[in-house]
Amino acid sequence: MAPKRAPTATPTSSTSRSSAAAARSGGPPARQPEPGTVGGALRDTYDALTAQENRSVLKAVGFAGVAVAFFSSSWSEYLHPPA
């Protein structure tokens, strides 16, 4: 049988979860989005995509997408030498 973990210090905040529930779960209570704002996974995804450290990855994916769109269009025929 696995040994029980000692309860961690409970944060002091006014949330809907009680401090006993936070201690049982092993972590702080979940952050609730404010009313009227985009919250949850959508906000976290947007923040991750617009972060400074991900800018080079987004540029590379964007340029690759533009290249695929160009080469699959009729405009790519302008790259052929004249006959």
PDB file of N, CA and C in Angstrom:
ATOM      1  N   MET A   1       0.839  -1.167   0.000  1.00  0.00           N
ATOM      2  CA  MET A   1       0.000   0.000   0.000  1.00  0.00           C
ATOM      3  C   MET A   1       0.889   1.236   0.000  1.00  0.00           C
ATOM      4  N   ALA A   2       0.508   2.237  -0.777  1.00  0.00           N
ATOM      5  CA  ALA A   2       1.307   3.458  -0.898  1.00  0.00           C
ATOM      6  C   ALA A   2       1.157   4.314   0.348  1.00  0.00           C
ATOM      7  N   PRO A   3       2.241   4.945   0.778  1.00  0.00           N
ATOM      8  CA  PRO A   3       2.140   5.809   1.960  1.00  0.00           C
ATOM      9  C   PRO A   3       1.336   7.066   1.631  1.00  0.00           C
ATOM     10  N   LYS A   4       0.637   7.588   2.633  1.00  0.00           N
ATOM     11  CA  LYS A   4      -0.147   8.803   2.436  1.00  0.00           C
ATOM     12  C   LYS A   4       0.774  10.012   2.408  1.00  0.00           C
ATOM     13  N   ARG A   5       0.422  10.957   1.543  1.00  0.00           N
ATOM     14  CA  ARG A   5       1.198  12.191   1.457  1.00  0.00           C
ATOM     15  C   ARG A   5       0.741  13.143   2.535  1.00  0.00           C
ATOM     16  N   ALA A   6       1.669  13.887   3.051  1.00  0.00           N
ATOM     17  CA  ALA A   6       1.333  14.902   4.047  1.00  0.00           C
ATOM     18  C   ALA A   6       0.613  16.048   3.358  1.00  0.00           C
ATOM     19  N   PRO A   7      -0.407  16.599   3.971  1.00  0.00           N
ATOM     20  CA  PRO A   7      -1.107  17.712   3.326  1.00  0.00           C
ATOM     21  C   PRO A   7      -0.193  18.923   3.195  1.00  0.00           C
ATOM     22  N   THR A   8      -0.344  19.600   2.075  1.00  0.00           N
ATOM     23  CA  THR A   8       0.463  20.789   1.821  1.00  0.00           C
ATOM     24  C   THR A   8      -0.229  22.003   2.412  1.00  0.00           C
ATOM     25  N   ALA A   9       0.473  23.095   2.465  1.00  0.00           N
ATOM     26  CA  ALA A   9      -0.102  24.328   2.993  1.00  0.00           C
ATOM     27  C   ALA A   9      -1.207  24.784   2.064  1.00  0.00           C
ATOM     28  N   THR A  10      -2.330  25.124   2.612  1.00  0.00           N
ATOM     29  CA  THR A  10      -3.459  25.552   1.793  1.00  0.00           C
ATOM     30  C   THR A  10      -3.377  27.047   1.570  1.00  0.00           C
ATOM     31  N   PRO A  11      -3.652  27.493   0.324  1.00  0.00           N
ATOM     32  CA  PRO A  11      -3.615  28.924   0.049  1.00  0.00           C
ATOM     33  C   PRO A  11      -4.808  29.612   0.703  1.00  0.00           C
ATOM     34  N   THR A  12      -4.623  30.848   1.037  1.00  0.00           N
ATOM     35  CA  THR A  12      -5.713  31.617   1.629  1.00  0.00           C
ATOM     36  C   THR A  12      -6.305  32.496   0.546  1.00  0.00           C
ATOM     37  N   SER A  13      -7.400  32.037  -0.030  1.00  0.00           N
ATOM     38  CA  SER A  13      -8.093  32.816  -1.039  1.00  0.00           C
ATOM     39  C   SER A  13      -9.581  32.564  -0.895  1.00  0.00           C
ATOM     40  N   SER A  14     -10.365  33.476  -1.426  1.00  0.00           N
ATOM     41  CA  SER A  14     -11.804  33.328  -1.321  1.00  0.00           C
ATOM     42  C   SER A  14     -12.312  32.678  -2.603  1.00  0.00           C
ATOM     43  N   THR A  15     -12.331  31.364  -2.625  1.00  0.00           N
ATOM     44  CA  THR A  15     -12.837  30.619  -3.764  1.00  0.00           C
ATOM     45  C   THR A  15     -13.991  29.767  -3.304  1.00  0.00           C
ATOM     46  N   SER A  16     -14.629  29.102  -4.274  1.00  0.00           N
ATOM     47  CA  SER A  16     -15.785  28.289  -3.927  1.00  0.00           C
ATOM     48  C   SER A  16     -15.377  26.979  -3.255  1.00  0.00           C
ATOM     49  N   ARG A  17     -14.148  26.539  -3.413  1.00  0.00           N
ATOM     50  CA  ARG A  17     -13.699  25.303  -2.769  1.00  0.00           C
ATOM     51  C   ARG A  17     -13.236  25.599  -1.356  1.00  0.00           C
ATOM     52  N   SER A  18     -13.489  24.679  -0.486  1.00  0.00           N
ATOM     53  CA  SER A  18     -13.031  24.877   0.884  1.00  0.00           C
ATOM     54  C   SER A  18     -11.561  24.518   0.989  1.00  0.00           C
ATOM     55  N   SER A  19     -10.918  24.968   2.053  1.00  0.00           N
ATOM     56  CA  SER A  19      -9.501  24.674   2.233  1.00  0.00           C
ATOM     57  C   SER A  19      -9.282  23.187   2.474  1.00  0.00           C
ATOM     58  N   ALA A  20     -10.252  22.498   3.053  1.00  0.00           N
ATOM     59  CA  ALA A  20     -10.130  21.054   3.255  1.00  0.00           C
ATOM     60  C   ALA A  20     -10.155  20.320   1.917  1.00  0.00           C
ATOM     61  N   ALA A  21     -10.994  20.773   0.990  1.00  0.00           N
ATOM     62  CA  ALA A  21     -11.043  20.145  -0.329  1.00  0.00           C
ATOM     63  C   ALA A  21      -9.744  20.396  -1.081  1.00  0.00           C
ATOM     64  N   ALA A  22      -9.170  21.582  -0.931  1.00  0.00           N
ATOM     65  CA  ALA A  22      -7.905  21.890  -1.593  1.00  0.00           C
ATOM     66  C   ALA A  22      -6.787  21.036  -1.016  1.00  0.00           C
ATOM     67  N   ALA A  23      -6.801  20.794   0.273  1.00  0.00           N
ATOM     68  CA  ALA A  23      -5.764  19.973   0.896  1.00  0.00           C
ATOM     69  C   ALA A  23      -5.894  18.521   0.458  1.00  0.00           C
ATOM     70  N   ARG A  24      -7.122  18.034   0.292  1.00  0.00           N
ATOM     71  CA  ARG A  24      -7.311  16.643  -0.150  1.00  0.00           C
ATOM     72  C   ARG A  24      -6.849  16.446  -1.583  1.00  0.00           C
ATOM     73  N   SER A  25      -7.058  17.427  -2.443  1.00  0.00           N
ATOM     74  CA  SER A  25      -6.688  17.266  -3.838  1.00  0.00           C
ATOM     75  C   SER A  25      -5.191  17.410  -4.050  1.00  0.00           C
ATOM     76  N   GLY A  26      -4.462  17.942  -3.091  1.00  0.00           N
ATOM     77  CA  GLY A  26      -3.018  18.054  -3.199  1.00  0.00           C
ATOM     78  C   GLY A  26      -2.539  19.313  -3.882  1.00  0.00           C
ATOM     79  N   GLY A  27      -3.396  20.271  -4.123  1.00  0.00           N
ATOM     80  CA  GLY A  27      -2.953  21.479  -4.792  1.00  0.00           C
ATOM     81  C   GLY A  27      -3.882  22.629  -4.529  1.00  0.00           C
ATOM     82  N   PRO A  28      -3.554  23.798  -5.074  1.00  0.00           N
ATOM     83  CA  PRO A  28      -4.394  24.970  -4.881  1.00  0.00           C
ATOM     84  C   PRO A  28      -5.678  24.836  -5.689  1.00  0.00           C
ATOM     85  N   PRO A  29      -6.704  25.571  -5.352  1.00  0.00           N
ATOM     86  CA  PRO A  29      -7.948  25.504  -6.114  1.00  0.00           C
ATOM     87  C   PRO A  29      -7.738  26.017  -7.532  1.00  0.00           C
ATOM     88  N   ALA A  30      -8.554  25.525  -8.449  1.00  0.00           N
ATOM     89  CA  ALA A  30      -8.437  25.912  -9.856  1.00  0.00           C
ATOM     90  C   ALA A  30      -8.798  27.373 -10.025  1.00  0.00           C
ATOM     91  N   ARG A  31      -8.097  28.035 -10.947  1.00  0.00           N
ATOM     92  CA  ARG A  31      -8.354  29.447 -11.224  1.00  0.00           C
ATOM     93  C   ARG A  31      -9.604  29.539 -12.088  1.00  0.00           C
ATOM     94  N   GLN A  32     -10.577  30.305 -11.652  1.00  0.00           N
ATOM     95  CA  GLN A  32     -11.821  30.483 -12.383  1.00  0.00           C
ATOM     96  C   GLN A  32     -11.723  31.735 -13.242  1.00  0.00           C
ATOM     97  N   PRO A  33     -12.186  31.675 -14.514  1.00  0.00           N
ATOM     98  CA  PRO A  33     -12.143  32.874 -15.352  1.00  0.00           C
ATOM     99  C   PRO A  33     -13.134  33.913 -14.845  1.00  0.00           C
ATOM    100  N   GLU A  34     -12.806  35.172 -15.059  1.00  0.00           N
ATOM    101  CA  GLU A  34     -13.690  36.237 -14.638  1.00  0.00           C
ATOM    102  C   GLU A  34     -14.879  36.300 -15.581  1.00  0.00           C
ATOM    103  N   PRO A  35     -16.055  36.681 -15.077  1.00  0.00           N
ATOM    104  CA  PRO A  35     -17.237  36.766 -15.941  1.00  0.00           C
ATOM    105  C   PRO A  35     -17.017  37.770 -17.065  1.00  0.00           C
ATOM    106  N   GLY A  36     -17.470  37.421 -18.257  1.00  0.00           N
ATOM    107  CA  GLY A  36     -17.358  38.318 -19.396  1.00  0.00           C
ATOM    108  C   GLY A  36     -16.048  38.215 -20.151  1.00  0.00           C
ATOM    109  N   THR A  37     -15.149  37.339 -19.746  1.00  0.00           N
ATOM    110  CA  THR A  37     -13.875  37.185 -20.448  1.00  0.00           C
ATOM    111  C   THR A  37     -13.778  35.792 -21.031  1.00  0.00           C
ATOM    112  N   VAL A  38     -12.930  35.648 -22.022  1.00  0.00           N
ATOM    113  CA  VAL A  38     -12.672  34.336 -22.584  1.00  0.00           C
ATOM    114  C   VAL A  38     -11.776  33.608 -21.601  1.00  0.00           C
ATOM    115  N   GLY A  39     -12.179  32.431 -21.166  1.00  0.00           N
ATOM    116  CA  GLY A  39     -11.396  31.751 -20.145  1.00  0.00           C
ATOM    117  C   GLY A  39     -11.122  30.315 -20.510  1.00  0.00           C
ATOM    118  N   GLY A  40     -10.419  29.674 -19.645  1.00  0.00           N
ATOM    119  CA  GLY A  40     -10.164  28.250 -19.790  1.00  0.00           C
ATOM    120  C   GLY A  40      -9.130  27.944 -20.849  1.00  0.00           C
ATOM    121  N   ALA A  41      -9.357  26.848 -21.539  1.00  0.00           N
ATOM    122  CA  ALA A  41      -8.389  26.336 -22.501  1.00  0.00           C
ATOM    123  C   ALA A  41      -8.204  27.272 -23.689  1.00  0.00           C
ATOM    124  N   LEU A  42      -9.262  27.945 -24.101  1.00  0.00           N
ATOM    125  CA  LEU A  42      -9.151  28.845 -25.249  1.00  0.00           C
ATOM    126  C   LEU A  42      -8.193  29.999 -24.948  1.00  0.00           C
ATOM    127  N   ARG A  43      -8.304  30.560 -23.766  1.00  0.00           N
ATOM    128  CA  ARG A  43      -7.424  31.664 -23.387  1.00  0.00           C
ATOM    129  C   ARG A  43      -5.983  31.192 -23.230  1.00  0.00           C
ATOM    130  N   ASP A  44      -5.799  30.028 -22.618  1.00  0.00           N
ATOM    131  CA  ASP A  44      -4.449  29.496 -22.451  1.00  0.00           C
ATOM    132  C   ASP A  44      -3.804  29.195 -23.799  1.00  0.00           C
ATOM    133  N   THR A  45      -4.590  28.683 -24.748  1.00  0.00           N
ATOM    134  CA  THR A  45      -4.064  28.399 -26.088  1.00  0.00           C
ATOM    135  C   THR A  45      -3.658  29.686 -26.791  1.00  0.00           C
ATOM    136  N   TYR A  46      -4.498  30.703 -26.700  1.00  0.00           N
ATOM    137  CA  TYR A  46      -4.175  31.986 -27.325  1.00  0.00           C
ATOM    138  C   TYR A  46      -2.912  32.584 -26.714  1.00  0.00           C
ATOM    139  N   ASP A  47      -2.807  32.528 -25.394  1.00  0.00           N
ATOM    140  CA  ASP A  47      -1.621  33.066 -24.728  1.00  0.00           C
ATOM    141  C   ASP A  47      -0.362  32.314 -25.140  1.00  0.00           C
ATOM    142  N   ALA A  48      -0.461  30.994 -25.296  1.00  0.00           N
ATOM    143  CA  ALA A  48       0.702  30.202 -25.700  1.00  0.00           C
ATOM    144  C   ALA A  48       1.105  30.512 -27.140  1.00  0.00           C
ATOM    145  N   LEU A  49       0.121  30.696 -28.023  1.00  0.00           N
ATOM    146  CA  LEU A  49       0.435  30.979 -29.428  1.00  0.00           C
ATOM    147  C   LEU A  49       1.007  32.371 -29.631  1.00  0.00           C
ATOM    148  N   THR A  50       0.623  33.311 -28.806  1.00  0.00           N
ATOM    149  CA  THR A  50       1.101  34.679 -28.984  1.00  0.00           C
ATOM    150  C   THR A  50       2.292  35.005 -28.095  1.00  0.00           C
ATOM    151  N   ALA A  51       2.835  34.019 -27.413  1.00  0.00           N
ATOM    152  CA  ALA A  51       3.991  34.258 -26.548  1.00  0.00           C
ATOM    153  C   ALA A  51       5.231  34.558 -27.399  1.00  0.00           C
ATOM    154  N   GLN A  52       6.115  35.354 -26.860  1.00  0.00           N
ATOM    155  CA  GLN A  52       7.323  35.770 -27.579  1.00  0.00           C
ATOM    156  C   GLN A  52       8.197  34.582 -27.961  1.00  0.00           C
ATOM    157  N   GLU A  53       8.323  33.587 -27.101  1.00  0.00           N
ATOM    158  CA  GLU A  53       9.220  32.464 -27.389  1.00  0.00           C
ATOM    159  C   GLU A  53       8.689  31.540 -28.487  1.00  0.00           C
ATOM    160  N   ASN A  54       7.418  31.667 -28.857  1.00  0.00           N
ATOM    161  CA  ASN A  54       6.848  30.827 -29.913  1.00  0.00           C
ATOM    162  C   ASN A  54       6.753  31.554 -31.253  1.00  0.00           C
ATOM    163  N   ARG A  55       7.260  32.763 -31.320  1.00  0.00           N
ATOM    164  CA  ARG A  55       7.112  33.557 -32.539  1.00  0.00           C
ATOM    165  C   ARG A  55       7.799  32.917 -33.745  1.00  0.00           C
ATOM    166  N   SER A  56       9.000  32.373 -33.576  1.00  0.00           N
ATOM    167  CA  SER A  56       9.714  31.784 -34.716  1.00  0.00           C
ATOM    168  C   SER A  56       9.005  30.537 -35.232  1.00  0.00           C
ATOM    169  N   VAL A  57       8.408  29.759 -34.339  1.00  0.00           N
ATOM    170  CA  VAL A  57       7.667  28.568 -34.766  1.00  0.00           C
ATOM    171  C   VAL A  57       6.436  28.979 -35.563  1.00  0.00           C
ATOM    172  N   LEU A  58       5.725  29.993 -35.094  1.00  0.00           N
ATOM    173  CA  LEU A  58       4.540  30.450 -35.810  1.00  0.00           C
ATOM    174  C   LEU A  58       4.886  31.029 -37.173  1.00  0.00           C
ATOM    175  N   LYS A  59       6.017  31.734 -37.270  1.00  0.00           N
ATOM    176  CA  LYS A  59       6.458  32.246 -38.570  1.00  0.00           C
ATOM    177  C   LYS A  59       6.730  31.112 -39.541  1.00  0.00           C
ATOM    178  N   ALA A  60       7.436  30.083 -39.075  1.00  0.00           N
ATOM    179  CA  ALA A  60       7.773  28.955 -39.943  1.00  0.00           C
ATOM    180  C   ALA A  60       6.519  28.232 -40.420  1.00  0.00           C
ATOM    181  N   VAL A  61       5.573  28.014 -39.528  1.00  0.00           N
ATOM    182  CA  VAL A  61       4.324  27.339 -39.914  1.00  0.00           C
ATOM    183  C   VAL A  61       3.533  28.217 -40.873  1.00  0.00           C
ATOM    184  N   GLY A  62       3.515  29.524 -40.640  1.00  0.00           N
ATOM    185  CA  GLY A  62       2.806  30.437 -41.535  1.00  0.00           C
ATOM    186  C   GLY A  62       3.412  30.466 -42.928  1.00  0.00           C
ATOM    187  N   PHE A  63       4.744  30.558 -43.013  1.00  0.00           N
ATOM    188  CA  PHE A  63       5.400  30.557 -44.327  1.00  0.00           C
ATOM    189  C   PHE A  63       5.199  29.231 -45.048  1.00  0.00           C
ATOM    190  N   ALA A  64       5.225  28.131 -44.330  1.00  0.00           N
ATOM    191  CA  ALA A  64       4.982  26.825 -44.956  1.00  0.00           C
ATOM    192  C   ALA A  64       3.557  26.769 -45.500  1.00  0.00           C
ATOM    193  N   GLY A  65       2.604  27.296 -44.763  1.00  0.00           N
ATOM    194  CA  GLY A  65       1.223  27.315 -45.241  1.00  0.00           C
ATOM    195  C   GLY A  65       1.051  28.173 -46.480  1.00  0.00           C
ATOM    196  N   VAL A  66       1.717  29.321 -46.505  1.00  0.00           N
ATOM    197  CA  VAL A  66       1.652  30.188 -47.694  1.00  0.00           C
ATOM    198  C   VAL A  66       2.302  29.497 -48.887  1.00  0.00           C
ATOM    199  N   ALA A  67       3.412  28.811 -48.673  1.00  0.00           N
ATOM    200  CA  ALA A  67       4.089  28.103 -49.769  1.00  0.00           C
ATOM    201  C   ALA A  67       3.214  26.984 -50.329  1.00  0.00           C
ATOM    202  N   VAL A  68       2.564  26.225 -49.459  1.00  0.00           N
ATOM    203  CA  VAL A  68       1.677  25.151 -49.931  1.00  0.00           C
ATOM    204  C   VAL A  68       0.512  25.740 -50.714  1.00  0.00           C
ATOM    205  N   ALA A  69      -0.062  26.828 -50.222  1.00  0.00           N
ATOM    206  CA  ALA A  69      -1.177  27.452 -50.931  1.00  0.00           C
ATOM    207  C   ALA A  69      -0.731  27.981 -52.293  1.00  0.00           C
ATOM    208  N   PHE A  70       0.468  28.564 -52.368  1.00  0.00           N
ATOM    209  CA  PHE A  70       0.967  29.096 -53.641  1.00  0.00           C
ATOM    210  C   PHE A  70       1.227  27.980 -54.640  1.00  0.00           C
ATOM    211  N   PHE A  71       1.931  26.938 -54.204  1.00  0.00           N
ATOM    212  CA  PHE A  71       2.289  25.873 -55.147  1.00  0.00           C
ATOM    213  C   PHE A  71       1.093  25.025 -55.566  1.00  0.00           C
ATOM    214  N   SER A  72       0.017  25.041 -54.812  1.00  0.00           N
ATOM    215  CA  SER A  72      -1.167  24.283 -55.225  1.00  0.00           C
ATOM    216  C   SER A  72      -2.133  25.147 -56.021  1.00  0.00           C
ATOM    217  N   SER A  73      -1.825  26.418 -56.208  1.00  0.00           N
ATOM    218  CA  SER A  73      -2.700  27.298 -56.976  1.00  0.00           C
ATOM    219  C   SER A  73      -2.194  27.414 -58.420  1.00  0.00           C
ATOM    220  N   SER A  74      -2.966  28.098 -59.226  1.00  0.00           N
ATOM    221  CA  SER A  74      -2.560  28.298 -60.619  1.00  0.00           C
ATOM    222  C   SER A  74      -1.428  29.316 -60.738  1.00  0.00           C
ATOM    223  N   TRP A  75      -1.171  30.078 -59.705  1.00  0.00           N
ATOM    224  CA  TRP A  75      -0.093  31.056 -59.749  1.00  0.00           C
ATOM    225  C   TRP A  75       1.282  30.394 -59.830  1.00  0.00           C
ATOM    226  N   SER A  76       1.388  29.155 -59.435  1.00  0.00           N
ATOM    227  CA  SER A  76       2.687  28.479 -59.485  1.00  0.00           C
ATOM    228  C   SER A  76       3.143  28.245 -60.921  1.00  0.00           C
ATOM    229  N   GLU A  77       2.230  28.372 -61.884  1.00  0.00           N
ATOM    230  CA  GLU A  77       2.609  28.202 -63.286  1.00  0.00           C
ATOM    231  C   GLU A  77       3.511  29.334 -63.761  1.00  0.00           C
ATOM    232  N   TYR A  78       3.530  30.455 -63.064  1.00  0.00           N
ATOM    233  CA  TYR A  78       4.421  31.560 -63.433  1.00  0.00           C
ATOM    234  C   TYR A  78       5.886  31.219 -63.186  1.00  0.00           C
ATOM    235  N   LEU A  79       6.145  30.179 -62.428  1.00  0.00           N
ATOM    236  CA  LEU A  79       7.522  29.761 -62.186  1.00  0.00           C
ATOM    237  C   LEU A  79       8.106  28.942 -63.319  1.00  0.00           C
ATOM    238  N   HIS A  80       7.262  28.406 -64.202  1.00  0.00           N
ATOM    239  CA  HIS A  80       7.735  27.612 -65.334  1.00  0.00           C
ATOM    240  C   HIS A  80       8.393  28.523 -66.375  1.00  0.00           C
ATOM    241  N   PRO A  81       9.470  28.048 -66.994  1.00  0.00           N
ATOM    242  CA  PRO A  81      10.087  28.877 -68.043  1.00  0.00           C
ATOM    243  C   PRO A  81       9.172  28.926 -69.278  1.00  0.00           C
ATOM    244  N   PRO A  82       9.285  30.015 -70.044  1.00  0.00           N
ATOM    245  CA  PRO A  82       8.435  30.116 -71.251  1.00  0.00           C
ATOM    246  C   PRO A  82       8.809  29.034 -72.266  1.00  0.00           C
ATOM    247  N   ALA A  83       7.816  28.565 -72.973  1.00  0.00           N
ATOM    248  CA  ALA A  83       8.032  27.480 -73.934  1.00  0.00           C
ATOM    249  C   ALA A  83       8.483  27.988 -75.270  1.00  0.00           C
TER     250      ALA A  83
END
